[in-house]
Amino acid sequence: MADLLNTAQKRTVLGHPAVLHSDRTIAIAIWRQDSVVPDDAALLSVAEKVLPTIPGWGNG
């Protein structure tokens, strides 16, 4: 996926491989009132809180 998105970065989130794409997207409901894309720290923070609540998610 990182190869398809020119602004994407390969990362690890909670021990799993991930792709961070900090651009406007309707797939993730994180919007700033000033129309600026969310910062990477905000996206990673949300992912670290939400992903473990998904049934079947394992840490590492």
C-alpha atoms as a PDB file:
ATOM      1  CA  MET A   1       0.000   0.000   0.000  1.00  0.00           C
ATOM      2  CA  ALA A   2       2.832   2.403   0.810  1.00  0.00           C
ATOM      3  CA  ASP A   3       4.052   2.079  -2.760  1.00  0.00           C
ATOM      4  CA  LEU A   4       0.692   3.304  -4.098  1.00  0.00           C
ATOM      5  CA  LEU A   5       0.487   6.425  -1.959  1.00  0.00           C
ATOM      6  CA  ASN A   6       3.334   8.836  -2.627  1.00  0.00           C
ATOM      7  CA  THR A   7       3.049  10.471   0.816  1.00  0.00           C
ATOM      8  CA  ALA A   8       2.708   7.189   2.740  1.00  0.00           C
ATOM      9  CA  GLN A   9       5.282   6.024   5.262  1.00  0.00           C
ATOM     10  CA  LYS A  10       5.911   2.473   6.424  1.00  0.00           C
ATOM     11  CA  ARG A  11       5.532   2.259  10.219  1.00  0.00           C
ATOM     12  CA  THR A  12       4.896  -0.196  13.010  1.00  0.00           C
ATOM     13  CA  VAL A  13       1.842   0.274  15.214  1.00  0.00           C
ATOM     14  CA  LEU A  14       1.507  -1.841  18.329  1.00  0.00           C
ATOM     15  CA  GLY A  15       3.927  -4.372  16.897  1.00  0.00           C
ATOM     16  CA  HIS A  16       2.169  -4.702  13.526  1.00  0.00           C
ATOM     17  CA  PRO A  17       3.349  -3.393  10.140  1.00  0.00           C
ATOM     18  CA  ALA A  18       1.362  -0.329   9.118  1.00  0.00           C
ATOM     19  CA  VAL A  19       1.203   2.426   6.547  1.00  0.00           C
ATOM     20  CA  LEU A  20       0.764   6.032   7.690  1.00  0.00           C
ATOM     21  CA  HIS A  21      -0.920   8.256   5.125  1.00  0.00           C
ATOM     22  CA  SER A  22      -1.450  11.771   6.504  1.00  0.00           C
ATOM     23  CA  ASP A  23      -3.571  13.235   3.764  1.00  0.00           C
ATOM     24  CA  ARG A  24      -7.241  14.030   3.386  1.00  0.00           C
ATOM     25  CA  THR A  25      -9.276  10.842   3.333  1.00  0.00           C
ATOM     26  CA  ILE A  26     -12.877   9.918   3.970  1.00  0.00           C
ATOM     27  CA  ALA A  27     -11.871   6.490   5.265  1.00  0.00           C
ATOM     28  CA  ILE A  28     -10.685   7.930   8.578  1.00  0.00           C
ATOM     29  CA  ALA A  29     -13.115  10.322  10.361  1.00  0.00           C
ATOM     30  CA  ILE A  30     -10.415  12.666  11.762  1.00  0.00           C
ATOM     31  CA  TRP A  31     -10.920  16.166  10.426  1.00  0.00           C
ATOM     32  CA  ARG A  32      -9.559  19.451  11.657  1.00  0.00           C
ATOM     33  CA  GLN A  33     -11.796  22.499  11.680  1.00  0.00           C
ATOM     34  CA  ASP A  34      -9.112  24.488   9.865  1.00  0.00           C
ATOM     35  CA  SER A  35      -9.113  22.013   6.915  1.00  0.00           C
ATOM     36  CA  VAL A  36      -5.473  21.044   7.519  1.00  0.00           C
ATOM     37  CA  VAL A  37      -4.677  17.338   7.453  1.00  0.00           C
ATOM     38  CA  PRO A  38      -4.254  15.713  10.891  1.00  0.00           C
ATOM     39  CA  ASP A  39      -0.715  15.403  12.136  1.00  0.00           C
ATOM     40  CA  ASP A  40       1.012  12.034  12.297  1.00  0.00           C
ATOM     41  CA  ALA A  41       0.995  11.940  16.098  1.00  0.00           C
ATOM     42  CA  ALA A  42      -2.797  12.327  16.172  1.00  0.00           C
ATOM     43  CA  LEU A  43      -3.306   9.517  13.662  1.00  0.00           C
ATOM     44  CA  LEU A  44      -0.961   7.178  15.510  1.00  0.00           C
ATOM     45  CA  SER A  45      -2.599   7.994  18.843  1.00  0.00           C
ATOM     46  CA  VAL A  46      -6.051   7.160  17.495  1.00  0.00           C
ATOM     47  CA  ALA A  47      -4.785   3.935  15.920  1.00  0.00           C
ATOM     48  CA  GLU A  48      -3.164   2.833  19.190  1.00  0.00           C
ATOM     49  CA  LYS A  49      -6.455   3.379  21.052  1.00  0.00           C
ATOM     50  CA  VAL A  50      -8.861   1.957  18.467  1.00  0.00           C
ATOM     51  CA  LEU A  51      -7.051  -1.053  17.006  1.00  0.00           C
ATOM     52  CA  PRO A  52      -6.882  -3.080  20.252  1.00  0.00           C
ATOM     53  CA  THR A  53     -10.703  -2.813  20.567  1.00  0.00           C
ATOM     54  CA  ILE A  54     -11.242  -4.672  17.283  1.00  0.00           C
ATOM     55  CA  PRO A  55     -12.187  -8.331  17.861  1.00  0.00           C
ATOM     56  CA  GLY A  56      -9.342 -10.618  16.889  1.00  0.00           C
ATOM     57  CA  TRP A  57      -6.689  -7.895  17.093  1.00  0.00           C
ATOM     58  CA  GLY A  58      -3.521  -9.215  18.712  1.00  0.00           C
ATOM     59  CA  ASN A  59      -0.661  -7.148  20.085  1.00  0.00           C
ATOM     60  CA  GLY A  60       2.429  -8.182  18.193  1.00  0.00           C
END
